[in-house]
Amino acid sequence: MNIELTRFRVLPGKTASVNEWMELLNSSLPVVLETLEQEKMYVETIFSESIDGVEYLYWYSIQGENGVEVKDSNHEIDKAHLRYWKECIDPDYAPQDLRPRVNMIPERIQSLMK
């Protein structure tokens, strides 16, 4: 099981596109959840934050081993997700991985994720 929290910087002027992207994911949740199965993605949450006028998106995920990469998916929602990613995420900003310090997932929940 892999637990991640990563920060990505949004390109300047892309707030409206980010809002559109998040609305697409929210409004298509049943289809999105279906795609997570093949990725062995147990939990995926996207957070947003603005610091000194710069917008960031944070991805929190808990993923199993040997899942299909989103870039290899044939689902239309994943293709749209990647198009928004290319449009909105700053490729010149190195993603910032936050280090987990404590994992508080009860064993009975962890066993369900395996």
Protein backbone atom coordinates (compact mmCIF):
# COMPACT_ATOMS: atom_id res chain seq x y z
CA MET A 1 0.00 0.00 0.00
CA ASN A 2 1.32 3.42 -0.99
CA ILE A 3 0.19 6.59 0.82
CA GLU A 4 0.97 9.94 -0.80
CA LEU A 5 0.28 13.62 -0.39
CA THR A 6 1.78 15.75 -3.16
CA ARG A 7 1.54 19.46 -3.93
CA PHE A 8 1.42 20.76 -7.50
CA ARG A 9 1.47 24.40 -8.58
CA VAL A 10 -1.27 25.67 -10.86
CA LEU A 11 -0.23 27.79 -13.82
CA PRO A 12 -1.10 31.50 -13.49
CA GLY A 13 -4.49 32.38 -14.93
CA LYS A 14 -5.80 28.81 -14.83
CA THR A 15 -8.14 29.08 -11.82
CA ALA A 16 -11.26 28.98 -14.00
CA SER A 17 -9.96 25.87 -15.77
CA VAL A 18 -9.12 24.23 -12.43
CA ASN A 19 -12.66 24.97 -11.21
CA GLU A 20 -14.07 23.46 -14.41
CA TRP A 21 -11.81 20.40 -13.97
CA MET A 22 -12.88 19.83 -10.37
CA GLU A 23 -16.53 20.28 -11.33
CA LEU A 24 -16.11 17.68 -14.08
CA LEU A 25 -14.66 15.19 -11.60
CA ASN A 26 -17.35 15.92 -9.01
CA SER A 27 -20.21 15.71 -11.51
CA SER A 28 -18.83 12.47 -12.99
CA LEU A 29 -18.10 10.78 -9.68
CA PRO A 30 -19.68 7.38 -10.48
CA VAL A 31 -17.52 7.08 -13.61
CA VAL A 32 -14.44 8.40 -11.78
CA LEU A 33 -14.91 5.83 -9.01
CA GLU A 34 -15.14 3.10 -11.63
CA THR A 35 -11.75 4.08 -13.06
CA LEU A 36 -10.16 3.97 -9.61
CA GLU A 37 -10.81 0.23 -9.44
CA GLN A 38 -8.34 -0.54 -12.24
CA GLU A 39 -5.78 1.80 -10.68
CA LYS A 40 -6.15 0.01 -7.34
CA MET A 41 -6.74 3.48 -5.92
CA TYR A 42 -8.46 3.05 -2.57
CA VAL A 43 -8.64 6.74 -1.67
CA GLU A 44 -7.97 9.81 -3.79
CA THR A 45 -8.76 13.32 -2.61
CA ILE A 46 -7.80 16.63 -4.22
CA PHE A 47 -7.33 19.71 -2.05
CA SER A 48 -6.66 23.28 -3.12
CA GLU A 49 -4.80 26.13 -1.45
CA SER A 50 -3.72 29.65 -2.37
CA ILE A 51 -0.50 31.00 -0.85
CA ASP A 52 0.45 34.61 -1.58
CA GLY A 53 -1.71 34.58 -4.70
CA VAL A 54 -0.30 31.30 -6.04
CA GLU A 55 -2.71 28.40 -6.38
CA TYR A 56 -1.74 24.83 -5.51
CA LEU A 57 -3.51 21.50 -5.78
CA TYR A 58 -2.72 18.65 -3.40
CA TRP A 59 -3.36 15.00 -4.20
CA TYR A 60 -3.83 12.65 -1.26
CA SER A 61 -4.02 8.99 -2.16
CA ILE A 62 -3.87 5.49 -0.82
CA GLN A 63 -3.12 3.05 -3.60
CA GLY A 64 -2.53 -0.68 -3.82
CA GLU A 65 0.24 -2.37 -5.74
CA ASN A 66 0.30 -2.99 -9.52
CA GLY A 67 -2.58 -0.74 -10.53
CA VAL A 68 -3.04 0.59 -14.05
CA GLU A 69 -1.49 4.04 -14.56
CA VAL A 70 -4.02 6.78 -15.30
CA LYS A 71 -2.09 7.61 -18.49
CA ASP A 72 -2.75 4.06 -19.73
CA SER A 73 -6.50 4.24 -19.12
CA ASN A 74 -8.99 4.10 -22.01
CA HIS A 75 -11.74 5.83 -20.00
CA GLU A 76 -12.87 9.19 -21.43
CA ILE A 77 -12.94 10.77 -17.97
CA ASP A 78 -9.25 9.88 -17.47
CA LYS A 79 -8.39 11.36 -20.87
CA ALA A 80 -10.22 14.58 -19.91
CA HIS A 81 -8.46 14.55 -16.53
CA LEU A 82 -5.06 14.37 -18.24
CA ARG A 83 -5.99 17.17 -20.68
CA TYR A 84 -6.84 19.44 -17.75
CA TRP A 85 -3.65 18.36 -16.00
CA LYS A 86 -1.54 19.45 -18.99
CA GLU A 87 -3.45 22.70 -19.24
CA CYS A 88 -3.39 23.64 -15.56
CA ILE A 89 -0.40 22.11 -13.74
CA ASP A 90 2.92 23.98 -13.92
CA PRO A 91 5.49 21.59 -15.45
CA ASP A 92 8.38 23.78 -14.24
CA TYR A 93 7.45 23.34 -10.58
CA ALA A 94 8.77 20.12 -9.08
CA PRO A 95 5.94 18.30 -7.27
CA GLN A 96 6.38 18.50 -3.51
CA ASP A 97 5.88 15.16 -1.77
CA LEU A 98 4.95 15.52 1.86
CA ARG A 99 6.40 12.88 4.13
CA PRO A 100 3.98 10.71 6.12
CA ARG A 101 4.84 10.73 9.80
CA VAL A 102 2.07 8.52 11.18
CA ASN A 103 -0.30 6.15 9.40
CA MET A 104 -3.49 5.76 11.41
CA ILE A 105 -5.50 3.27 9.40
CA PRO A 106 -6.90 0.46 11.52
CA GLU A 107 -5.67 -3.01 10.52
CA ARG A 108 -9.23 -4.15 9.69
CA ILE A 109 -9.47 -1.32 7.11
CA GLN A 110 -5.98 -2.00 5.76
CA SER A 111 -6.86 -5.68 5.30
CA LEU A 112 -9.87 -4.67 3.19
CA MET A 113 -7.55 -2.65 0.94
CA LYS A 114 -5.35 -5.64 0.11
